[in-house]
mmCIF file of all heavy atoms, coordinates in Angstrom:
data_MODEL
# 
_entry.id   MODEL 
# 
loop_
_atom_site.group_PDB 
_atom_site.id 
_atom_site.type_symbol 
_atom_site.label_atom_id 
_atom_site.label_alt_id 
_atom_site.label_comp_id 
_atom_site.label_asym_id 
_atom_site.label_entity_id 
_atom_site.label_seq_id 
_atom_site.pdbx_PDB_ins_code 
_atom_site.Cartn_x 
_atom_site.Cartn_y 
_atom_site.Cartn_z 
_atom_site.occupancy 
_atom_site.B_iso_or_equiv 
_atom_site.pdbx_formal_charge 
_atom_site.auth_seq_id 
_atom_site.auth_comp_id 
_atom_site.auth_asym_id 
_atom_site.auth_atom_id 
_atom_site.pdbx_PDB_model_num 
ATOM 1   N N   . LYS A 1 1  ? -57.377 0.624  12.144 1.00 0.00 ? 1  LYS A N   1 
ATOM 2   C CA  . LYS A 1 1  ? -57.385 -0.687 12.790 1.00 0.00 ? 1  LYS A CA  1 
ATOM 3   C C   . LYS A 1 1  ? -56.953 -0.515 14.266 1.00 0.00 ? 1  LYS A C   1 
ATOM 4   O O   . LYS A 1 1  ? -56.304 0.456  14.610 1.00 0.00 ? 1  LYS A O   1 
ATOM 5   C CB  . LYS A 1 1  ? -56.438 -1.645 12.074 1.00 0.00 ? 1  LYS A CB  1 
ATOM 6   C CG  . LYS A 1 1  ? -56.811 -1.921 10.628 1.00 0.00 ? 1  LYS A CG  1 
ATOM 7   C CD  . LYS A 1 1  ? -55.786 -2.853 9.993  1.00 0.00 ? 1  LYS A CD  1 
ATOM 8   C CE  . LYS A 1 1  ? -56.153 -3.125 8.546  1.00 0.00 ? 1  LYS A CE  1 
ATOM 9   N NZ  . LYS A 1 1  ? -55.167 -4.045 7.888  1.00 0.00 ? 1  LYS A NZ  1 
ATOM 10  N N   . PRO A 1 2  ? -57.289 -1.495 15.122 1.00 0.00 ? 2  PRO A N   1 
ATOM 11  C CA  . PRO A 1 2  ? -56.838 -1.406 16.492 1.00 0.00 ? 2  PRO A CA  1 
ATOM 12  C C   . PRO A 1 2  ? -55.312 -1.344 16.575 1.00 0.00 ? 2  PRO A C   1 
ATOM 13  O O   . PRO A 1 2  ? -54.588 -2.012 15.803 1.00 0.00 ? 2  PRO A O   1 
ATOM 14  C CB  . PRO A 1 2  ? -57.392 -2.685 17.138 1.00 0.00 ? 2  PRO A CB  1 
ATOM 15  C CG  . PRO A 1 2  ? -58.574 -3.019 16.289 1.00 0.00 ? 2  PRO A CG  1 
ATOM 16  C CD  . PRO A 1 2  ? -58.230 -2.644 14.899 1.00 0.00 ? 2  PRO A CD  1 
ATOM 17  N N   . VAL A 1 3  ? -54.821 -0.558 17.534 1.00 0.00 ? 3  VAL A N   1 
ATOM 18  C CA  . VAL A 1 3  ? -53.380 -0.426 17.760 1.00 0.00 ? 3  VAL A CA  1 
ATOM 19  C C   . VAL A 1 3  ? -52.937 -1.360 18.841 1.00 0.00 ? 3  VAL A C   1 
ATOM 20  O O   . VAL A 1 3  ? -53.562 -1.429 19.910 1.00 0.00 ? 3  VAL A O   1 
ATOM 21  C CB  . VAL A 1 3  ? -53.062 1.040  18.157 1.00 0.00 ? 3  VAL A CB  1 
ATOM 22  C CG1 . VAL A 1 3  ? -51.591 1.209  18.496 1.00 0.00 ? 3  VAL A CG1 1 
ATOM 23  C CG2 . VAL A 1 3  ? -53.475 1.991  17.046 1.00 0.00 ? 3  VAL A CG2 1 
ATOM 24  N N   . LYS A 1 4  ? -51.832 -2.075 18.617 1.00 0.00 ? 4  LYS A N   1 
ATOM 25  C CA  . LYS A 1 4  ? -51.324 -2.996 19.643 1.00 0.00 ? 4  LYS A CA  1 
ATOM 26  C C   . LYS A 1 4  ? -50.427 -2.200 20.589 1.00 0.00 ? 4  LYS A C   1 
ATOM 27  O O   . LYS A 1 4  ? -49.533 -1.463 20.143 1.00 0.00 ? 4  LYS A O   1 
ATOM 28  C CB  . LYS A 1 4  ? -50.525 -4.127 19.013 1.00 0.00 ? 4  LYS A CB  1 
ATOM 29  C CG  . LYS A 1 4  ? -49.995 -5.130 20.026 1.00 0.00 ? 4  LYS A CG  1 
ATOM 30  C CD  . LYS A 1 4  ? -49.450 -6.351 19.348 1.00 0.00 ? 4  LYS A CD  1 
ATOM 31  C CE  . LYS A 1 4  ? -48.152 -6.092 18.608 1.00 0.00 ? 4  LYS A CE  1 
ATOM 32  N NZ  . LYS A 1 4  ? -47.554 -7.323 18.070 1.00 0.00 ? 4  LYS A NZ  1 
ATOM 33  N N   . VAL A 1 5  ? -50.673 -2.311 21.865 1.00 0.00 ? 5  VAL A N   1 
ATOM 34  C CA  . VAL A 1 5  ? -49.871 -1.659 22.916 1.00 0.00 ? 5  VAL A CA  1 
ATOM 35  C C   . VAL A 1 5  ? -49.046 -2.735 23.634 1.00 0.00 ? 5  VAL A C   1 
ATOM 36  O O   . VAL A 1 5  ? -49.596 -3.694 24.132 1.00 0.00 ? 5  VAL A O   1 
ATOM 37  C CB  . VAL A 1 5  ? -50.780 -0.900 23.915 1.00 0.00 ? 5  VAL A CB  1 
ATOM 38  C CG1 . VAL A 1 5  ? -49.931 -0.160 24.949 1.00 0.00 ? 5  VAL A CG1 1 
ATOM 39  C CG2 . VAL A 1 5  ? -51.670 0.088  23.152 1.00 0.00 ? 5  VAL A CG2 1 
ATOM 40  N N   . GLN A 1 6  ? -47.761 -2.510 23.666 1.00 0.00 ? 6  GLN A N   1 
ATOM 41  C CA  . GLN A 1 6  ? -46.860 -3.502 24.267 1.00 0.00 ? 6  GLN A CA  1 
ATOM 42  C C   . GLN A 1 6  ? -47.134 -3.700 25.739 1.00 0.00 ? 6  GLN A C   1 
ATOM 43  O O   . GLN A 1 6  ? -47.727 -2.856 26.403 1.00 0.00 ? 6  GLN A O   1 
ATOM 44  C CB  . GLN A 1 6  ? -45.421 -3.073 24.058 1.00 0.00 ? 6  GLN A CB  1 
ATOM 45  C CG  . GLN A 1 6  ? -45.051 -1.774 24.781 1.00 0.00 ? 6  GLN A CG  1 
ATOM 46  C CD  . GLN A 1 6  ? -43.808 -1.124 24.221 1.00 0.00 ? 6  GLN A CD  1 
ATOM 47  O OE1 . GLN A 1 6  ? -43.637 -0.989 23.033 1.00 0.00 ? 6  GLN A OE1 1 
ATOM 48  N NE2 . GLN A 1 6  ? -42.956 -0.648 25.125 1.00 0.00 ? 6  GLN A NE2 1 
ATOM 49  N N   . ALA A 1 7  ? -46.639 -4.808 26.306 1.00 0.00 ? 7  ALA A N   1 
ATOM 50  C CA  . ALA A 1 7  ? -46.945 -5.167 27.677 1.00 0.00 ? 7  ALA A CA  1 
ATOM 51  C C   . ALA A 1 7  ? -46.241 -4.313 28.685 1.00 0.00 ? 7  ALA A C   1 
ATOM 52  O O   . ALA A 1 7  ? -46.742 -4.054 29.776 1.00 0.00 ? 7  ALA A O   1 
ATOM 53  C CB  . ALA A 1 7  ? -46.631 -6.644 27.929 1.00 0.00 ? 7  ALA A CB  1 
ATOM 54  N N   . SER A 1 8  ? -45.014 -3.851 28.371 1.00 0.00 ? 8  SER A N   1 
ATOM 55  C CA  . SER A 1 8  ? -44.222 -3.128 29.375 1.00 0.00 ? 8  SER A CA  1 
ATOM 56  C C   . SER A 1 8  ? -43.330 -2.115 28.671 1.00 0.00 ? 8  SER A C   1 
ATOM 57  O O   . SER A 1 8  ? -43.250 -2.072 27.446 1.00 0.00 ? 8  SER A O   1 
ATOM 58  C CB  . SER A 1 8  ? -43.382 -4.075 30.243 1.00 0.00 ? 8  SER A CB  1 
ATOM 59  O OG  . SER A 1 8  ? -42.459 -4.806 29.418 1.00 0.00 ? 8  SER A OG  1 
ATOM 60  N N   . GLY A 1 9  ? -42.635 -1.313 29.462 1.00 0.00 ? 9  GLY A N   1 
ATOM 61  C CA  . GLY A 1 9  ? -41.732 -0.263 28.908 1.00 0.00 ? 9  GLY A CA  1 
ATOM 62  C C   . GLY A 1 9  ? -42.514 0.990  28.627 1.00 0.00 ? 9  GLY A C   1 
ATOM 63  O O   . GLY A 1 9  ? -43.668 1.145  29.051 1.00 0.00 ? 9  GLY A O   1 
ATOM 64  N N   . GLU A 1 10 ? -41.860 1.920  27.975 1.00 0.00 ? 10 GLU A N   1 
ATOM 65  C CA  . GLU A 1 10 ? -42.484 3.216  27.666 1.00 0.00 ? 10 GLU A CA  1 
ATOM 66  C C   . GLU A 1 10 ? -42.792 3.316  26.164 1.00 0.00 ? 10 GLU A C   1 
ATOM 67  O O   . GLU A 1 10 ? -41.977 2.967  25.347 1.00 0.00 ? 10 GLU A O   1 
ATOM 68  C CB  . GLU A 1 10 ? -41.573 4.362  28.082 1.00 0.00 ? 10 GLU A CB  1 
ATOM 69  C CG  . GLU A 1 10 ? -42.213 5.722  27.916 1.00 0.00 ? 10 GLU A CG  1 
ATOM 70  C CD  . GLU A 1 10 ? -41.509 6.791  28.743 1.00 0.00 ? 10 GLU A CD  1 
ATOM 71  O OE1 . GLU A 1 10 ? -40.359 6.602  29.150 1.00 0.00 ? 10 GLU A OE1 1 
ATOM 72  O OE2 . GLU A 1 10 ? -42.121 7.859  28.958 1.00 0.00 ? 10 GLU A OE2 1 
ATOM 73  N N   . VAL A 1 11 ? -43.975 3.785  25.852 1.00 0.00 ? 11 VAL A N   1 
ATOM 74  C CA  . VAL A 1 11 ? -44.391 3.946  24.455 1.00 0.00 ? 11 VAL A CA  1 
ATOM 75  C C   . VAL A 1 11 ? -44.310 5.419  24.108 1.00 0.00 ? 11 VAL A C   1 
ATOM 76  O O   . VAL A 1 11 ? -44.904 6.261  24.787 1.00 0.00 ? 11 VAL A O   1 
ATOM 77  C CB  . VAL A 1 11 ? -45.840 3.433  24.263 1.00 0.00 ? 11 VAL A CB  1 
ATOM 78  C CG1 . VAL A 1 11 ? -46.271 3.588  22.794 1.00 0.00 ? 11 VAL A CG1 1 
ATOM 79  C CG2 . VAL A 1 11 ? -45.968 1.968  24.699 1.00 0.00 ? 11 VAL A CG2 1 
ATOM 80  N N   . LYS A 1 12 ? -43.572 5.732  23.034 1.00 0.00 ? 12 LYS A N   1 
ATOM 81  C CA  . LYS A 1 12 ? -43.519 7.117  22.582 1.00 0.00 ? 12 LYS A CA  1 
ATOM 82  C C   . LYS A 1 12 ? -44.923 7.584  22.176 1.00 0.00 ? 12 LYS A C   1 
ATOM 83  O O   . LYS A 1 12 ? -45.783 6.809  21.773 1.00 0.00 ? 12 LYS A O   1 
ATOM 84  C CB  . LYS A 1 12 ? -42.556 7.232  21.389 1.00 0.00 ? 12 LYS A CB  1 
ATOM 85  C CG  . LYS A 1 12 ? -41.097 7.001  21.753 1.00 0.00 ? 12 LYS A CG  1 
ATOM 86  C CD  . LYS A 1 12 ? -40.225 7.218  20.509 1.00 0.00 ? 12 LYS A CD  1 
ATOM 87  C CE  . LYS A 1 12 ? -38.751 7.049  20.875 1.00 0.00 ? 12 LYS A CE  1 
ATOM 88  N NZ  . LYS A 1 12 ? -37.859 7.266  19.684 1.00 0.00 ? 12 LYS A NZ  1 
ATOM 89  N N   . TYR A 1 13 ? -45.107 8.925  22.237 1.00 0.00 ? 13 TYR A N   1 
ATOM 90  C CA  . TYR A 1 13 ? -46.361 9.484  21.789 1.00 0.00 ? 13 TYR A CA  1 
ATOM 91  C C   . TYR A 1 13 ? -46.608 9.043  20.360 1.00 0.00 ? 13 TYR A C   1 
ATOM 92  O O   . TYR A 1 13 ? -45.721 9.072  19.476 1.00 0.00 ? 13 TYR A O   1 
ATOM 93  C CB  . TYR A 1 13 ? -46.333 11.009 21.808 1.00 0.00 ? 13 TYR A CB  1 
ATOM 94  C CG  . TYR A 1 13 ? -46.472 11.638 23.168 1.00 0.00 ? 13 TYR A CG  1 
ATOM 95  C CD1 . TYR A 1 13 ? -46.438 10.902 24.331 1.00 0.00 ? 13 TYR A CD1 1 
ATOM 96  C CD2 . TYR A 1 13 ? -46.587 13.013 23.303 1.00 0.00 ? 13 TYR A CD2 1 
ATOM 97  C CE1 . TYR A 1 13 ? -46.573 11.465 25.563 1.00 0.00 ? 13 TYR A CE1 1 
ATOM 98  C CE2 . TYR A 1 13 ? -46.724 13.625 24.557 1.00 0.00 ? 13 TYR A CE2 1 
ATOM 99  C CZ  . TYR A 1 13 ? -46.706 12.835 25.681 1.00 0.00 ? 13 TYR A CZ  1 
ATOM 100 O OH  . TYR A 1 13 ? -46.821 13.411 26.902 1.00 0.00 ? 13 TYR A OH  1 
ATOM 101 N N   . GLN A 1 14 ? -47.836 8.633  20.089 1.00 0.00 ? 14 GLN A N   1 
ATOM 102 C CA  . GLN A 1 14 ? -48.228 8.229  18.733 1.00 0.00 ? 14 GLN A CA  1 
ATOM 103 C C   . GLN A 1 14 ? -49.056 9.349  18.113 1.00 0.00 ? 14 GLN A C   1 
ATOM 104 O O   . GLN A 1 14 ? -49.899 9.993  18.762 1.00 0.00 ? 14 GLN A O   1 
ATOM 105 C CB  . GLN A 1 14 ? -49.082 6.950  18.776 1.00 0.00 ? 14 GLN A CB  1 
ATOM 106 C CG  . GLN A 1 14 ? -48.365 5.774  19.447 1.00 0.00 ? 14 GLN A CG  1 
ATOM 107 C CD  . GLN A 1 14 ? -47.141 5.342  18.676 1.00 0.00 ? 14 GLN A CD  1 
ATOM 108 O OE1 . GLN A 1 14 ? -47.214 4.957  17.529 1.00 0.00 ? 14 GLN A OE1 1 
ATOM 109 N NE2 . GLN A 1 14 ? -45.984 5.407  19.330 1.00 0.00 ? 14 GLN A NE2 1 
ATOM 110 N N   . TYR A 1 15 ? -48.823 9.625  16.827 1.00 0.00 ? 15 TYR A N   1 
ATOM 111 C CA  . TYR A 1 15 ? -49.548 10.655 16.090 1.00 0.00 ? 15 TYR A CA  1 
ATOM 112 C C   . TYR A 1 15 ? -50.276 10.009 14.939 1.00 0.00 ? 15 TYR A C   1 
ATOM 113 O O   . TYR A 1 15 ? -49.703 9.263  14.128 1.00 0.00 ? 15 TYR A O   1 
ATOM 114 C CB  . TYR A 1 15 ? -48.597 11.727 15.555 1.00 0.00 ? 15 TYR A CB  1 
ATOM 115 C CG  . TYR A 1 15 ? -48.043 12.631 16.660 1.00 0.00 ? 15 TYR A CG  1 
ATOM 116 C CD1 . TYR A 1 15 ? -46.897 12.296 17.353 1.00 0.00 ? 15 TYR A CD1 1 
ATOM 117 C CD2 . TYR A 1 15 ? -48.713 13.806 17.020 1.00 0.00 ? 15 TYR A CD2 1 
ATOM 118 C CE1 . TYR A 1 15 ? -46.388 13.098 18.360 1.00 0.00 ? 15 TYR A CE1 1 
ATOM 119 C CE2 . TYR A 1 15 ? -48.209 14.645 18.004 1.00 0.00 ? 15 TYR A CE2 1 
ATOM 120 C CZ  . TYR A 1 15 ? -47.051 14.250 18.685 1.00 0.00 ? 15 TYR A CZ  1 
ATOM 121 O OH  . TYR A 1 15 ? -46.564 15.099 19.685 1.00 0.00 ? 15 TYR A OH  1 
ATOM 122 N N   . TYR A 1 16 ? -51.569 10.326 14.837 1.00 0.00 ? 16 TYR A N   1 
ATOM 123 C CA  . TYR A 1 16 ? -52.397 9.794  13.730 1.00 0.00 ? 16 TYR A CA  1 
ATOM 124 C C   . TYR A 1 16 ? -53.099 10.947 13.023 1.00 0.00 ? 16 TYR A C   1 
ATOM 125 O O   . TYR A 1 16 ? -53.588 11.881 13.672 1.00 0.00 ? 16 TYR A O   1 
ATOM 126 C CB  . TYR A 1 16 ? -53.448 8.815  14.304 1.00 0.00 ? 16 TYR A CB  1 
ATOM 127 C CG  . TYR A 1 16 ? -52.853 7.682  15.121 1.00 0.00 ? 16 TYR A CG  1 
ATOM 128 C CD1 . TYR A 1 16 ? -52.925 7.690  16.507 1.00 0.00 ? 16 TYR A CD1 1 
ATOM 129 C CD2 . TYR A 1 16 ? -52.161 6.644  14.507 1.00 0.00 ? 16 TYR A CD2 1 
ATOM 130 C CE1 . TYR A 1 16 ? -52.379 6.662  17.263 1.00 0.00 ? 16 TYR A CE1 1 
ATOM 131 C CE2 . TYR A 1 16 ? -51.577 5.607  15.258 1.00 0.00 ? 16 TYR A CE2 1 
ATOM 132 C CZ  . TYR A 1 16 ? -51.682 5.632  16.618 1.00 0.00 ? 16 TYR A CZ  1 
ATOM 133 O OH  . TYR A 1 16 ? -51.129 4.635  17.378 1.00 0.00 ? 16 TYR A OH  1 
ATOM 134 N N   . ILE A 1 17 ? -53.084 10.874 11.716 1.00 0.00 ? 17 ILE A N   1 
ATOM 135 C CA  . ILE A 1 17 ? -53.671 11.989 10.897 1.00 0.00 ? 17 ILE A CA  1 
ATOM 136 C C   . ILE A 1 17 ? -54.924 11.470 10.195 1.00 0.00 ? 17 ILE A C   1 
ATOM 137 O O   . ILE A 1 17 ? -54.927 10.346 9.639  1.00 0.00 ? 17 ILE A O   1 
ATOM 138 C CB  . ILE A 1 17 ? -52.642 12.442 9.843  1.00 0.00 ? 17 ILE A CB  1 
ATOM 139 C CG1 . ILE A 1 17 ? -51.369 12.938 10.523 1.00 0.00 ? 17 ILE A CG1 1 
ATOM 140 C CG2 . ILE A 1 17 ? -53.228 13.573 8.974  1.00 0.00 ? 17 ILE A CG2 1 
ATOM 141 C CD1 . ILE A 1 17 ? -50.218 13.158 9.568  1.00 0.00 ? 17 ILE A CD1 1 
ATOM 142 N N   . HIS A 1 18 ? -55.977 12.271 10.230 1.00 0.00 ? 18 HIS A N   1 
ATOM 143 C CA  . HIS A 1 18 ? -57.255 11.882 9.625  1.00 0.00 ? 18 HIS A CA  1 
ATOM 144 C C   . HIS A 1 18 ? -57.825 13.051 8.845  1.00 0.00 ? 18 HIS A C   1 
ATOM 145 O O   . HIS A 1 18 ? -57.851 14.170 9.334  1.00 0.00 ? 18 HIS A O   1 
ATOM 146 C CB  . HIS A 1 18 ? -58.240 11.449 10.696 1.00 0.00 ? 18 HIS A CB  1 
ATOM 147 C CG  . HIS A 1 18 ? -59.609 11.046 10.180 1.00 0.00 ? 18 HIS A CG  1 
ATOM 148 N ND1 . HIS A 1 18 ? -59.867 9.784  9.692  1.00 0.00 ? 18 HIS A ND1 1 
ATOM 149 C CD2 . HIS A 1 18 ? -60.736 11.758 10.057 1.00 0.00 ? 18 HIS A CD2 1 
ATOM 150 C CE1 . HIS A 1 18 ? -61.129 9.738  9.292  1.00 0.00 ? 18 HIS A CE1 1 
ATOM 151 N NE2 . HIS A 1 18 ? -61.676 10.927 9.502  1.00 0.00 ? 18 HIS A NE2 1 
ATOM 152 N N   . ASP A 1 19 ? -58.280 12.768 7.649  1.00 0.00 ? 19 ASP A N   1 
ATOM 153 C CA  . ASP A 1 19 ? -58.978 13.774 6.836  1.00 0.00 ? 19 ASP A CA  1 
ATOM 154 C C   . ASP A 1 19 ? -60.477 13.503 6.948  1.00 0.00 ? 19 ASP A C   1 
ATOM 155 O O   . ASP A 1 19 ? -60.980 12.512 6.375  1.00 0.00 ? 19 ASP A O   1 
ATOM 156 C CB  . ASP A 1 19 ? -58.515 13.701 5.386  1.00 0.00 ? 19 ASP A CB  1 
ATOM 157 C CG  . ASP A 1 19 ? -59.163 14.797 4.526  1.00 0.00 ? 19 ASP A CG  1 
ATOM 158 O OD1 . ASP A 1 19 ? -60.057 15.530 5.023  1.00 0.00 ? 19 ASP A OD1 1 
ATOM 159 O OD2 . ASP A 1 19 ? -58.803 14.895 3.335  1.00 0.00 ? 19 ASP A OD2 1 
ATOM 160 N N   . PRO A 1 20 ? -61.215 14.361 7.681  1.00 0.00 ? 20 PRO A N   1 
ATOM 161 C CA  . PRO A 1 20 ? -62.642 14.110 7.835  1.00 0.00 ? 20 PRO A CA  1 
ATOM 162 C C   . PRO A 1 20 ? -63.468 14.446 6.597  1.00 0.00 ? 20 PRO A C   1 
ATOM 163 O O   . PRO A 1 20 ? -64.685 14.182 6.586  1.00 0.00 ? 20 PRO A O   1 
ATOM 164 C CB  . PRO A 1 20 ? -63.008 15.008 9.017  1.00 0.00 ? 20 PRO A CB  1 
ATOM 165 C CG  . PRO A 1 20 ? -62.036 16.154 8.911  1.00 0.00 ? 20 PRO A CG  1 
ATOM 166 C CD  . PRO A 1 20 ? -60.771 15.580 8.388  1.00 0.00 ? 20 PRO A CD  1 
ATOM 167 N N   . GLY A 1 21 ? -62.847 15.079 5.619  1.00 0.00 ? 21 GLY A N   1 
ATOM 168 C CA  . GLY A 1 21 ? -63.557 15.386 4.380  1.00 0.00 ? 21 GLY A CA  1 
ATOM 169 C C   . GLY A 1 21 ? -64.511 16.553 4.503  1.00 0.00 ? 21 GLY A C   1 
ATOM 170 O O   . GLY A 1 21 ? -65.550 16.588 3.802  1.00 0.00 ? 21 GLY A O   1 
ATOM 171 N N   . PHE A 1 22 ? -64.210 17.512 5.382  1.00 0.00 ? 22 PHE A N   1 
ATOM 172 C CA  . PHE A 1 22 ? -65.131 18.667 5.536  1.00 0.00 ? 22 PHE A CA  1 
ATOM 173 C C   . PHE A 1 22 ? -64.992 19.569 4.317  1.00 0.00 ? 22 PHE A C   1 
ATOM 174 O O   . PHE A 1 22 ? -63.916 20.146 4.076  1.00 0.00 ? 22 PHE A O   1 
ATOM 175 C CB  . PHE A 1 22 ? -64.775 19.439 6.800  1.00 0.00 ? 22 PHE A CB  1 
ATOM 176 C CG  . PHE A 1 22 ? -65.042 18.686 8.090  1.00 0.00 ? 22 PHE A CG  1 
ATOM 177 C CD1 . PHE A 1 22 ? -64.333 19.010 9.255  1.00 0.00 ? 22 PHE A CD1 1 
ATOM 178 C CD2 . PHE A 1 22 ? -65.994 17.682 8.128  1.00 0.00 ? 22 PHE A CD2 1 
ATOM 179 C CE1 . PHE A 1 22 ? -64.563 18.321 10.407 1.00 0.00 ? 22 PHE A CE1 1 
ATOM 180 C CE2 . PHE A 1 22 ? -66.222 16.985 9.314  1.00 0.00 ? 22 PHE A CE2 1 
ATOM 181 C CZ  . PHE A 1 22 ? -65.517 17.316 10.457 1.00 0.00 ? 22 PHE A CZ  1 
ATOM 182 N N   . THR A 1 23 ? -66.049 19.728 3.541  1.00 0.00 ? 23 THR A N   1 
ATOM 183 C CA  . THR A 1 23 ? -66.048 20.621 2.381  1.00 0.00 ? 23 THR A CA  1 
ATOM 184 C C   . THR A 1 23 ? -66.580 21.992 2.704  1.00 0.00 ? 23 THR A C   1 
ATOM 185 O O   . THR A 1 23 ? -66.610 22.888 1.854  1.00 0.00 ? 23 THR A O   1 
ATOM 186 C CB  . THR A 1 23 ? -66.881 19.976 1.273  1.00 0.00 ? 23 THR A CB  1 
ATOM 187 O OG1 . THR A 1 23 ? -68.242 19.751 1.742  1.00 0.00 ? 23 THR A OG1 1 
ATOM 188 C CG2 . THR A 1 23 ? -66.291 18.662 0.777  1.00 0.00 ? 23 THR A CG2 1 
ATOM 189 N N   . GLU A 1 24 ? -67.056 22.153 3.932  1.00 0.00 ? 24 GLU A N   1 
ATOM 190 C CA  . GLU A 1 24 ? -67.496 23.460 4.430  1.00 0.00 ? 24 GLU A CA  1 
ATOM 191 C C   . GLU A 1 24 ? -67.094 23.610 5.882  1.00 0.00 ? 24 GLU A C   1 
ATOM 192 O O   . GLU A 1 24 ? -66.798 22.606 6.534  1.00 0.00 ? 24 GLU A O   1 
ATOM 193 C CB  . GLU A 1 24 ? -69.014 23.606 4.269  1.00 0.00 ? 24 GLU A CB  1 
ATOM 194 C CG  . GLU A 1 24 ? -69.799 22.540 5.032  1.00 0.00 ? 24 GLU A CG  1 
ATOM 195 C CD  . GLU A 1 24 ? -71.309 22.654 4.828  1.00 0.00 ? 24 GLU A CD  1 
ATOM 196 O OE1 . GLU A 1 24 ? -71.724 23.494 4.006  1.00 0.00 ? 24 GLU A OE1 1 
ATOM 197 O OE2 . GLU A 1 24 ? -72.061 21.956 5.533  1.00 0.00 ? 24 GLU A OE2 1 
ATOM 198 N N   . ASP A 1 25 ? -67.076 24.845 6.361  1.00 0.00 ? 25 ASP A N   1 
ATOM 199 C CA  . ASP A 1 25 ? -66.735 25.058 7.762  1.00 0.00 ? 25 ASP A CA  1 
ATOM 200 C C   . ASP A 1 25 ? -67.695 24.303 8.676  1.00 0.00 ? 25 ASP A C   1 
ATOM 201 O O   . ASP A 1 25 ? -68.922 24.270 8.427  1.00 0.00 ? 25 ASP A O   1 
ATOM 202 C CB  . ASP A 1 25 ? -66.769 26.529 8.122  1.00 0.00 ? 25 ASP A CB  1 
ATOM 203 C CG  . ASP A 1 25 ? -65.644 27.346 7.472  1.00 0.00 ? 25 ASP A CG  1 
ATOM 204 O OD1 . ASP A 1 25 ? -64.820 26.702 6.804  1.00 0.00 ? 25 ASP A OD1 1 
ATOM 205 O OD2 . ASP A 1 25 ? -65.616 28.566 7.625  1.00 0.00 ? 25 ASP A OD2 1 
ATOM 206 N N   . LYS A 1 26 ? -67.165 23.709 9.711  1.00 0.00 ? 26 LYS A N   1 
ATOM 207 C CA  . LYS A 1 26 ? -67.975 23.025 10.710 1.00 0.00 ? 26 LYS A CA  1 
ATOM 208 C C   . LYS A 1 26 ? -67.888 23.750 12.025 1.00 0.00 ? 26 LYS A C   1 
ATOM 209 O O   . LYS A 1 26 ? -66.810 24.149 12.450 1.00 0.00 ? 26 LYS A O   1 
ATOM 210 C CB  . LYS A 1 26 ? -67.518 21.566 10.879 1.00 0.00 ? 26 LYS A CB  1 
ATOM 211 C CG  . LYS A 1 26 ? -67.787 20.667 9.690  1.00 0.00 ? 26 LYS A CG  1 
ATOM 212 C CD  . LYS A 1 26 ? -69.271 20.372 9.522  1.00 0.00 ? 26 LYS A CD  1 
ATOM 213 C CE  . LYS A 1 26 ? -69.486 19.320 8.441  1.00 0.00 ? 26 LYS A CE  1 
ATOM 214 N NZ  . LYS A 1 26 ? -70.921 18.973 8.291  1.00 0.00 ? 26 LYS A NZ  1 
ATOM 215 N N   . TRP A 1 27 ? -69.027 23.872 12.713 1.00 0.00 ? 27 TRP A N   1 
ATOM 216 C CA  . TRP A 1 27 ? -69.058 24.557 14.013 1.00 0.00 ? 27 TRP A CA  1 
ATOM 217 C C   . TRP A 1 27 ? -69.272 23.521 15.107 1.00 0.00 ? 27 TRP A C   1 
ATOM 218 O O   . TRP A 1 27 ? -70.258 22.795 15.092 1.00 0.00 ? 27 TRP A O   1 
ATOM 219 C CB  . TRP A 1 27 ? -70.157 25.605 14.025 1.00 0.00 ? 27 TRP A CB  1 
ATOM 220 C CG  . TRP A 1 27 ? -69.822 26.776 13.206 1.00 0.00 ? 27 TRP A CG  1 
ATOM 221 C CD1 . TRP A 1 27 ? -70.126 27.013 11.915 1.00 0.00 ? 27 TRP A CD1 1 
ATOM 222 C CD2 . TRP A 1 27 ? -69.075 27.920 13.631 1.00 0.00 ? 27 TRP A CD2 1 
ATOM 223 N NE1 . TRP A 1 27 ? -69.611 28.205 11.471 1.00 0.00 ? 27 TRP A NE1 1 
ATOM 224 C CE2 . TRP A 1 27 ? -68.936 28.803 12.515 1.00 0.00 ? 27 TRP A CE2 1 
ATOM 225 C CE3 . TRP A 1 27 ? -68.453 28.303 14.839 1.00 0.00 ? 27 TRP A CE3 1 
ATOM 226 C CZ2 . TRP A 1 27 ? -68.250 30.010 12.588 1.00 0.00 ? 27 TRP A CZ2 1 
ATOM 227 C CZ3 . TRP A 1 27 ? -67.790 29.512 14.914 1.00 0.00 ? 27 TRP A CZ3 1 
ATOM 228 C CH2 . TRP A 1 27 ? -67.706 30.339 13.793 1.00 0.00 ? 27 TRP A CH2 1 
# 
């Protein structure tokens, strides 16, 4: 879903994990 970014201040690095479902090596 879209991520809300606050109006001011500093935002810590965000980390997102995704499993693309690769069942074989991809080049």
